[in-house]
C-alpha atoms as a PDB file:
ATOM      1  CA  GLY A   1       0.000   0.000   0.000  1.00  0.00           C
ATOM      2  CA  GLY A   2       0.915   3.595  -0.438  1.00  0.00           C
ATOM      3  CA  VAL A   3       1.255   6.342   2.093  1.00  0.00           C
ATOM      4  CA  GLY A   4      -1.386   8.731   0.732  1.00  0.00           C
ATOM      5  CA  PHE A   5      -4.091   8.241   3.342  1.00  0.00           C
ATOM      6  CA  THR A   6      -1.568   8.346   6.167  1.00  0.00           C
ATOM      7  CA  GLN A   7      -0.357  11.751   4.980  1.00  0.00           C
ATOM      8  CA  TYR A   8      -3.949  12.903   4.498  1.00  0.00           C
ATOM      9  CA  ALA A   9      -5.123  11.861   7.956  1.00  0.00           C
ATOM     10  CA  THR A  10      -1.995  12.742   9.917  1.00  0.00           C
ATOM     11  CA  ALA A  11      -2.243  16.483   9.358  1.00  0.00           C
ATOM     12  CA  ALA A  12      -5.679  16.609  10.963  1.00  0.00           C
ATOM     13  CA  TYR A  13      -4.719  15.250  14.366  1.00  0.00           C
ATOM     14  CA  THR A  14      -1.118  16.204  15.024  1.00  0.00           C
ATOM     15  CA  ASP A  15      -1.547  19.807  16.195  1.00  0.00           C
ATOM     16  CA  ASN A  16       0.238  21.523  13.280  1.00  0.00           C
ATOM     17  CA  ILE A  17       3.472  19.764  14.155  1.00  0.00           C
ATOM     18  CA  LEU A  18       3.570  18.190  10.701  1.00  0.00           C
ATOM     19  CA  ASP A  19       3.334  21.732   9.312  1.00  0.00           C
ATOM     20  CA  GLU A  20       6.247  22.869  11.473  1.00  0.00           C
ATOM     21  CA  PHE A  21       8.496  20.016  10.369  1.00  0.00           C
ATOM     22  CA  THR A  22       7.518  20.512   6.720  1.00  0.00           C
ATOM     23  CA  TYR A  23       8.197  24.254   6.853  1.00  0.00           C
ATOM     24  CA  TYR A  24      11.623  23.433   8.259  1.00  0.00           C
ATOM     25  CA  GLY A  25      12.143  21.252   5.195  1.00  0.00           C
ATOM     26  CA  MET A  26      10.936  24.035   2.906  1.00  0.00           C
ATOM     27  CA  ASP A  27      13.400  26.471   4.462  1.00  0.00           C
ATOM     28  CA  TYR A  28      16.158  23.888   4.072  1.00  0.00           C
ATOM     29  CA  ILE A  29      15.523  23.226   0.377  1.00  0.00           C
ATOM     30  CA  LYS A  30      15.231  26.954  -0.285  1.00  0.00           C
ATOM     31  CA  ASP A  31      18.515  27.750   1.480  1.00  0.00           C
ATOM     32  CA  LYS A  32      20.552  24.806   0.197  1.00  0.00           C
ATOM     33  CA  TYR A  33      19.045  24.024  -3.213  1.00  0.00           C
ATOM     34  CA  LYS A  34      17.458  27.385  -4.102  1.00  0.00           C
ATOM     35  CA  VAL A  35      14.033  25.771  -4.635  1.00  0.00           C
ATOM     36  CA  ASP A  36      11.315  28.436  -4.458  1.00  0.00           C
ATOM     37  CA  TRP A  37       8.525  26.284  -3.058  1.00  0.00           C
ATOM     38  CA  LYS A  38       6.105  29.235  -2.907  1.00  0.00           C
ATOM     39  CA  ASN A  39       6.404  29.771  -6.676  1.00  0.00           C
ATOM     40  CA  PRO A  40       7.060  26.318  -8.147  1.00  0.00           C
ATOM     41  CA  SER A  41       8.949  26.177 -11.410  1.00  0.00           C
ATOM     42  CA  PRO A  42      10.378  23.216 -13.340  1.00  0.00           C
ATOM     43  CA  LYS A  43      13.733  25.025 -13.566  1.00  0.00           C
ATOM     44  CA  ASP A  44      14.052  25.037  -9.756  1.00  0.00           C
ATOM     45  CA  ARG A  45      13.806  21.279  -9.394  1.00  0.00           C
ATOM     46  CA  VAL A  46      16.739  19.336  -8.019  1.00  0.00           C
ATOM     47  CA  LYS A  47      17.762  16.138  -9.795  1.00  0.00           C
ATOM     48  CA  PRO A  48      16.327  13.245  -7.723  1.00  0.00           C
ATOM     49  CA  THR A  49      19.531  11.399  -6.888  1.00  0.00           C
ATOM     50  CA  TYR A  50      20.253   9.159  -3.936  1.00  0.00           C
ATOM     51  CA  ASP A  51      22.455  11.848  -2.408  1.00  0.00           C
ATOM     52  CA  VAL A  52      19.686  14.463  -2.614  1.00  0.00           C
ATOM     53  CA  VAL A  53      17.085  12.121  -1.090  1.00  0.00           C
ATOM     54  CA  ASN A  54      19.551  11.160   1.637  1.00  0.00           C
ATOM     55  CA  ASP A  55      20.475  14.779   2.392  1.00  0.00           C
ATOM     56  CA  ILE A  56      16.986  16.272   2.591  1.00  0.00           C
ATOM     57  CA  THR A  57      15.434  13.316   4.387  1.00  0.00           C
ATOM     58  CA  THR A  58      18.213  13.066   6.953  1.00  0.00           C
ATOM     59  CA  GLU A  59      18.126  16.793   7.703  1.00  0.00           C
ATOM     60  CA  VAL A  60      14.344  16.937   8.143  1.00  0.00           C
ATOM     61  CA  SER A  61      14.169  13.669  10.110  1.00  0.00           C
ATOM     62  CA  LEU A  62      16.953  14.572  12.523  1.00  0.00           C
ATOM     63  CA  ASN A  63      15.493  18.036  13.100  1.00  0.00           C
ATOM     64  CA  ALA A  64      12.108  16.494  13.897  1.00  0.00           C
ATOM     65  CA  MET A  65      13.621  13.944  16.268  1.00  0.00           C
ATOM     66  CA  GLU A  66      15.516  16.719  18.041  1.00  0.00           C
ATOM     67  CA  GLN A  67      12.278  18.682  18.436  1.00  0.00           C
ATOM     68  CA  TYR A  68      10.517  15.687  19.969  1.00  0.00           C
ATOM     69  CA  GLU A  69      13.366  15.281  22.432  1.00  0.00           C
ATOM     70  CA  GLN A  70      13.461  18.985  23.262  1.00  0.00           C
ATOM     71  CA  TYR A  71       9.704  19.147  23.956  1.00  0.00           C
ATOM     72  CA  PRO A  72       8.598  15.991  25.808  1.00  0.00           C
ATOM     73  CA  THR A  73       4.930  17.018  25.859  1.00  0.00           C
ATOM     74  CA  MET A  74       4.957  16.946  22.073  1.00  0.00           C
ATOM     75  CA  MET A  75       6.252  13.387  22.245  1.00  0.00           C
ATOM     76  CA  GLU A  76       3.480  12.492  24.702  1.00  0.00           C
ATOM     77  CA  ASP A  77       0.876  14.090  22.453  1.00  0.00           C
ATOM     78  CA  HIS A  78       1.939  11.840  19.579  1.00  0.00           C
ATOM     79  CA  PHE A  79       1.468   8.691  21.592  1.00  0.00           C
ATOM     80  CA  GLY A  80       2.797   5.294  20.714  1.00  0.00           C
ATOM     81  CA  GLY A  81       5.380   6.029  18.103  1.00  0.00           C
ATOM     82  CA  SER A  82       3.339   5.453  14.967  1.00  0.00           C
ATOM     83  CA  GLN A  83       2.141   9.057  14.975  1.00  0.00           C
ATOM     84  CA  ARG A  84       5.687  10.305  15.479  1.00  0.00           C
ATOM     85  CA  ALA A  85       6.987   7.983  12.780  1.00  0.00           C
ATOM     86  CA  GLY A  86       4.244   9.086  10.387  1.00  0.00           C
ATOM     87  CA  VAL A  87       4.737  12.798  11.029  1.00  0.00           C
ATOM     88  CA  ILE A  88       8.513  12.652  10.649  1.00  0.00           C
ATOM     89  CA  ALA A  89       8.276  10.515   7.517  1.00  0.00           C
ATOM     90  CA  ALA A  90       5.570  12.683   5.964  1.00  0.00           C
ATOM     91  CA  ALA A  91       7.581  15.872   6.475  1.00  0.00           C
ATOM     92  CA  SER A  92      10.666  14.184   5.032  1.00  0.00           C
ATOM     93  CA  GLY A  93       8.792  12.783   2.052  1.00  0.00           C
ATOM     94  CA  LEU A  94       7.025  16.062   1.335  1.00  0.00           C
ATOM     95  CA  SER A  95      10.256  18.037   1.498  1.00  0.00           C
ATOM     96  CA  THR A  96      12.015  15.617  -0.827  1.00  0.00           C
ATOM     97  CA  SER A  97       9.111  15.479  -3.298  1.00  0.00           C
ATOM     98  CA  ILE A  98       8.776  19.242  -3.471  1.00  0.00           C
ATOM     99  CA  ALA A  99      12.513  19.763  -3.962  1.00  0.00           C
ATOM    100  CA  THR A 100      12.771  17.208  -6.748  1.00  0.00           C
ATOM    101  CA  GLY A 101       9.302  17.283  -8.265  1.00  0.00           C
ATOM    102  CA  ASN A 102       9.500  13.492  -8.125  1.00  0.00           C
ATOM    103  CA  SER A 103       6.984  11.463  -6.129  1.00  0.00           C
ATOM    104  CA  ASN A 104       9.189   8.361  -6.089  1.00  0.00           C
ATOM    105  CA  ALA A 105      12.014  10.374  -4.530  1.00  0.00           C
ATOM    106  CA  GLY A 106       9.538  11.516  -1.874  1.00  0.00           C
ATOM    107  CA  LEU A 107       8.406   7.954  -1.203  1.00  0.00           C
ATOM    108  CA  ASN A 108      12.012   6.878  -0.781  1.00  0.00           C
ATOM    109  CA  GLY A 109      12.456   9.832   1.579  1.00  0.00           C
ATOM    110  CA  TRP A 110       9.496   8.492   3.578  1.00  0.00           C
ATOM    111  CA  TYR A 111      11.059   5.031   3.821  1.00  0.00           C
ATOM    112  CA  LEU A 112      14.522   6.362   4.640  1.00  0.00           C
ATOM    113  CA  SER A 113      12.998   8.465   7.410  1.00  0.00           C
ATOM    114  CA  MET A 114      11.498   5.322   8.955  1.00  0.00           C
ATOM    115  CA  LEU A 115      14.907   3.659   8.922  1.00  0.00           C
ATOM    116  CA  LEU A 116      16.534   6.747  10.473  1.00  0.00           C
ATOM    117  CA  HIS A 117      13.817   6.793  13.143  1.00  0.00           C
ATOM    118  CA  LYS A 118      14.395   3.144  13.977  1.00  0.00           C
ATOM    119  CA  GLU A 119      18.163   3.626  13.997  1.00  0.00           C
ATOM    120  CA  GLY A 120      17.938   6.692  16.243  1.00  0.00           C
ATOM    121  CA  TRP A 121      15.310   5.494  18.718  1.00  0.00           C
ATOM    122  CA  SER A 122      15.677   1.692  18.348  1.00  0.00           C
ATOM    123  CA  ARG A 123      12.000   1.229  17.521  1.00  0.00           C
ATOM    124  CA  LEU A 124       9.122   2.846  15.705  1.00  0.00           C
ATOM    125  CA  GLY A 125       6.760   2.531  18.651  1.00  0.00           C
ATOM    126  CA  PHE A 126       5.590   0.335  21.493  1.00  0.00           C
ATOM    127  CA  PHE A 127       2.530  -1.575  22.738  1.00  0.00           C
ATOM    128  CA  GLY A 128       1.670  -2.515  19.166  1.00  0.00           C
ATOM    129  CA  TYR A 129       1.707   1.118  18.047  1.00  0.00           C
ATOM    130  CA  ASP A 130       4.762   0.597  15.906  1.00  0.00           C
ATOM    131  CA  LEU A 131       3.311   1.258  12.461  1.00  0.00           C
ATOM    132  CA  GLN A 132       2.632  -2.175  11.078  1.00  0.00           C
ATOM    133  CA  ASP A 133       3.212  -1.218   7.460  1.00  0.00           C
ATOM    134  CA  GLN A 134       4.483   1.659   5.332  1.00  0.00           C
ATOM    135  CA  CYS A 135       7.861   1.614   7.003  1.00  0.00           C
ATOM    136  CA  GLY A 136      10.292  -0.192   4.740  1.00  0.00           C
ATOM    137  CA  SER A 137      11.880   0.415   1.382  1.00  0.00           C
ATOM    138  CA  ALA A 138      11.514  -3.153   0.143  1.00  0.00           C
ATOM    139  CA  ASN A 139       9.256  -2.162  -2.753  1.00  0.00           C
ATOM    140  CA  SER A 140      10.884   1.084  -3.800  1.00  0.00           C
ATOM    141  CA  LEU A 141      14.289   0.029  -5.138  1.00  0.00           C
ATOM    142  CA  SER A 142      15.779  -3.014  -6.796  1.00  0.00           C
ATOM    143  CA  ILE A 143      17.628  -5.466  -4.586  1.00  0.00           C
ATOM    144  CA  ARG A 144      21.397  -5.355  -4.793  1.00  0.00           C
ATOM    145  CA  GLY A 145      22.398  -8.498  -2.944  1.00  0.00           C
ATOM    146  CA  ASP A 146      26.111  -7.906  -3.451  1.00  0.00           C
ATOM    147  CA  GLU A 147      25.920  -5.074  -0.909  1.00  0.00           C
ATOM    148  CA  GLY A 148      24.801  -7.375   1.893  1.00  0.00           C
ATOM    149  CA  ALA A 149      22.166  -6.670   4.557  1.00  0.00           C
ATOM    150  CA  ILE A 150      19.571  -8.557   2.541  1.00  0.00           C
ATOM    151  CA  GLY A 151      17.688  -9.263   5.777  1.00  0.00           C
ATOM    152  CA  GLU A 152      16.643  -5.603   5.831  1.00  0.00           C
ATOM    153  CA  ILE A 153      14.337  -6.246   2.901  1.00  0.00           C
ATOM    154  CA  ARG A 154      11.690  -7.280   5.397  1.00  0.00           C
ATOM    155  CA  GLY A 155      11.499  -3.803   6.889  1.00  0.00           C
ATOM    156  CA  PRO A 156      12.220  -2.327  10.292  1.00  0.00           C
ATOM    157  CA  ASN A 157       9.293  -3.979  12.071  1.00  0.00           C
ATOM    158  CA  TYR A 158      10.249  -7.583  11.333  1.00  0.00           C
ATOM    159  CA  PRO A 159       9.415  -9.848  13.025  1.00  0.00           C
ATOM    160  CA  ASN A 160       5.937  -8.481  13.375  1.00  0.00           C
ATOM    161  CA  TYR A 161       4.630 -10.174  16.501  1.00  0.00           C
ATOM    162  CA  ALA A 162       1.334  -8.287  16.322  1.00  0.00           C
ATOM    163  CA  MET A 163       0.361 -10.355  13.282  1.00  0.00           C
ATOM    164  CA  ASN A 164       0.629 -13.685  15.153  1.00  0.00           C
END
């Protein structure tokens, strides 16, 4: 499945925090890549390379994680982890998509954000609120087995004990 409904629904119940993280991303792409997101133009688009997706997604994700740590009540408001994971990933994906004009780059930004979240906080959630799907890049890129780590193809929530 895609991430469309999650992005659609998340904005309604996360107290404008998704907006804040996305505006941070917009400021970042404007400052670093000179993308005028208020007046979109095909000439402003950044080529959707791995390095660009990695850069924008990492910057937006780490900023969001720092904000959650700086304001614990915000972390409590987004209970369980799946809301936090969704908000961080949505802001990262939106920022990447807008900078590149490429929805696939944005989707890969979403997935990379989930992996950064898991790497930074060791989990996407707790008590079963750990985002059962939409959190791995298994379907977005071809498999390059010669690079190892093929076990990661199952996604960050494997094994999924909630499905037993």
